[in-house]
Every structure is written in structure tokens, then in C-alpha cells.
Amino acid sequence: MESSSNGLEQRLQEGKLYRHVNALIVAHLRHNNFNQAASAVASATMTPLNVEAPANKLLELVAKGLAVEKDEILRGISSTTSYDASIPTGYSSIPVPRVVSVDFGAVHDTKGASKSFPKHETGQISDHKNVARCARFSPDGRFLATGSADTSIKLFEISKVKQMMLPDARDGPVRPVIRTFYDHLQPINDLDFHPQNSILISGAKDHTIKFFDFSKTVARKAYRIIQDTHNVRSVSFHPSGEFLLAGTDHPIAHLYDVNTFQCYLSANVQEIGISGAINQVRYSSTGGMYVTASKDGAIRLWDGSTAHCIRSILSAHGTAEATSASFTKDQRYVLSCGKDSTINLWDVGTGRLVKQYVGATHTQLRCQAVFNETEEFILSIDEASNEIVIWDALTTDKVARWPSSHMGSPRWIEHSPTESAFVTCGTDRSIRFWKET
């Protein structure tokens, strides 16, 4: 009788927990003006639509739960939730990452049949007046921005890019460039989109980070400017949109509060032995960590809330510069590229080299290596042959080599986060879009 009573009590407690969670979800959606979604969840779970809860209560509880996992992640213990955990409770929005099923470490010593990368078609969609230096897709894949040595930024709408590439476009020429911004004084190095709003930021050699609101059709100038002390080589928004990182000629990434523009520099350069400028900085998908690729050849992992260095992978690319670094979506691995013509996959928990992808020469340009949208393939550029090289991410086999169609090597490659499409930017000033046929 006692065990039956305990079982009933447990079910009652579970029911209360579900109702509490449902109420928090409905309140969170309503407070963030997702009224249609709030109404749908309320209806499906029989939760009152006008349920009362503090605006950020759900986020605070999630952040506290994630914090419990921090030690496990830093020790390399895998978690079924696949989050990283160093998320401050004050952040206003934390997108939930899609958990990636590819487990690179589990097949480290095995070889299977490599997958085939789908065929793509390409077309030149625009060009700049000088070298096209960088590109970035918006998180939802709807927009693309490119930056140039001519100091301009072009914003493309992907649906119009695809329409432009149709062989039988009937309504006359399609103009995929929907905005062009002119506000920098020197070449643009990197771009990023705000995770929620229609805001684009750019970092440039003129030591500035500029904010552009692309919801305004007539705006051509930045509406906000951060004046840094160094050449801004790389920029990355925190997933909340409340903070941003700037990788500069200074060896420590500059962390800015987007609302106050206050800059935080918490690491001691001499103490951790950092000397090189930062070629690229990227947040993980929850903002609990960020990674830097430096000219001193190191890849470094940093705590997203304290900005303290938690792991240095020195000589990640021998004596050559590390030119790019980014997290996998589940944040268990970092993909890096360097001027030693190698692409490396690192285990975040241990700093161990898991995979290496070779066969593409990149020794001169600030080259990137990127995953496709499913993280089954890796794409990069061969400077010597002017080709795009594609590897199977699991087997490390080269599965394709395509002529880039640029006159001279592409300067940058960037893959869409949502579909089988990517863009290349050239020293020939052109921008080419590639989509699956």
C-alpha cells in the first residue's frame, strides 16, 4: 500500500513539473512576442495563455542547469544534451542548438566508405570594385553579406540569388543585391549577423566595428560605431545578441557589451604567453565558449562568461598561422585551418587532434575551412590549383575537387547554415554562389 501511495505521489509531482514547464514556455514565448507560438503551445498543453511568470525565468533556470554541466564538458565527458555550460544568467536569449549526430571521435581509428558530395552549379552574382575579402550568411540562411577592400558591404537576399540563377527567368533581370553600405575608410575583414534582429556588423582595418540596420531600405551608413584600438580582423555575436567579440591585432579578443559599448579585457597577455594577433574568433552555439585562431599558430578555447583561457593548443598548425577556427554545432569539436596547408579537427574536452584533412595548399591567404550544413563534409580552397576541395568529415577522404571559376584563388569560402549552398569571394573581385543541382 505504501509503495502504491509513493507511486501516486511521484506521478502527481511529475504532473506538477510538466505543468510548471509548460507555463514557463508559454510565458517565455509571450514575453518575446511570439504570440502565435504561445497560443499554439497553450492550446496543445491546456495551459492558460495569460499565465504569469517572470520574463526571464525560463532562461535563468536553463542557464543554471547548463552551468552544472560545465565541469563535465571541460573534462571531455560527453553529455546527451550536448550543450556547453558557461552561460551567464543575464543573457536575454539563448538559442537551442540542433544536436549533431556525427561522432568524430567514435570512428577515429576506423575507415568506411566515403559519402558523395552532391553536384552544385555556380554563377557569378555580383562583384566589388576591389578584392572581395569576406562573406557571411544570416543564421536563418535568408541573407548573405560580403565585404570588400573597396570598403563597401553588399547584402543579398538568397531567394533573389536563386531566382537570378534560373535559366528561364521570365520577369526580366533580377537584382539580388538589396542593400549596399558605404561607411568604412579601409578594407573590411569580417562580418556577422545579429542572431535575432535585422542588424549586420562589420570589422575593418580602420579600427572600427559598425552596425547596419538592413530593415531600413534607404540606410547606407552605420547607425552605431565601436571605435577599437586595433585593426579589427574578426567579429562574432554572442547568441543572445547582447555581446560581441572582436579579434584584432591585439592578442586578446575584445569583448563588448552591445548596449553600453563597454570593453572587457580580463586575460593577462604575459601570464598565458600570448603574442600573436587574432585571425578569427567564433562563439559556440550557446555562447558558453569561444575559440580564437591566432597568428602565433595557436588555437585557444575561452570561457564564454569569464573570458578566461581554458585551453591552449599551441603550434596547432606547426610554425604557421592558424587562420580560422569554429565549433561544431554540438560544441564537442573545433575545426581549424592554417597556413601549413592542413585542416584539423580538435576535441574540445581534451585538446586532442581527432582528424586531419590534407591535400589543399593554403599558405598565403587567410583561408577558411568550413562544414556544410549537415557537418558531413568539409570545404576549403586550394590556392595553388584554384580549386574548391571537399572532404568526407568522417573518413577524411577527398571526395571532390572543383574548379573555382574565379580568376585567381578565392579569398573566402562560407557555407549556408541551413541548406546545401555556399559562396566564394575572389581576389578577382567576384562573388560566386554555389547551390545543389
Foldseek 3Di string as FASTA:
>chain_A
DVVVVVVVVVVVVVVVVVLVVLLVVLLQCVLVVVLVVSVVSCVVVVHDNPRDDPNLPVLLVVLVVLQVCQVCLLQLNDDPLLDHHLDDSPQNDFDRFDDFPDDQQVCLPHADDFDFDFDKDKDFQDFDPFFFAEKDAAQVRQKMWTWFQVQKIWIFGVVQVVLQPDPCNPPDHGRRGQAMAHEDDGGWAEKYAQNPAQWIWTFAQQQKIFIDRVVDRPDRYGPDMQRHPFRFREKEAQNSNQWMWTFGQDQAIWIAGPVPRDTDDDDDCVVVVTDFGWQYKYAASRQQWIWTWTQQQKIWIAGRPRRHTSDIDGNVPPRWGWQDWDADNSRQWIWTDTLSQKIFIAGSNPRDTRDIAHDAHHNPASWDWDAAQSNQKIWTWRQVQCWIWIAGNNNSHTNDTGRPPDPGHFRYKDYRNPFAKIWTTHSSRTIMIMHRD
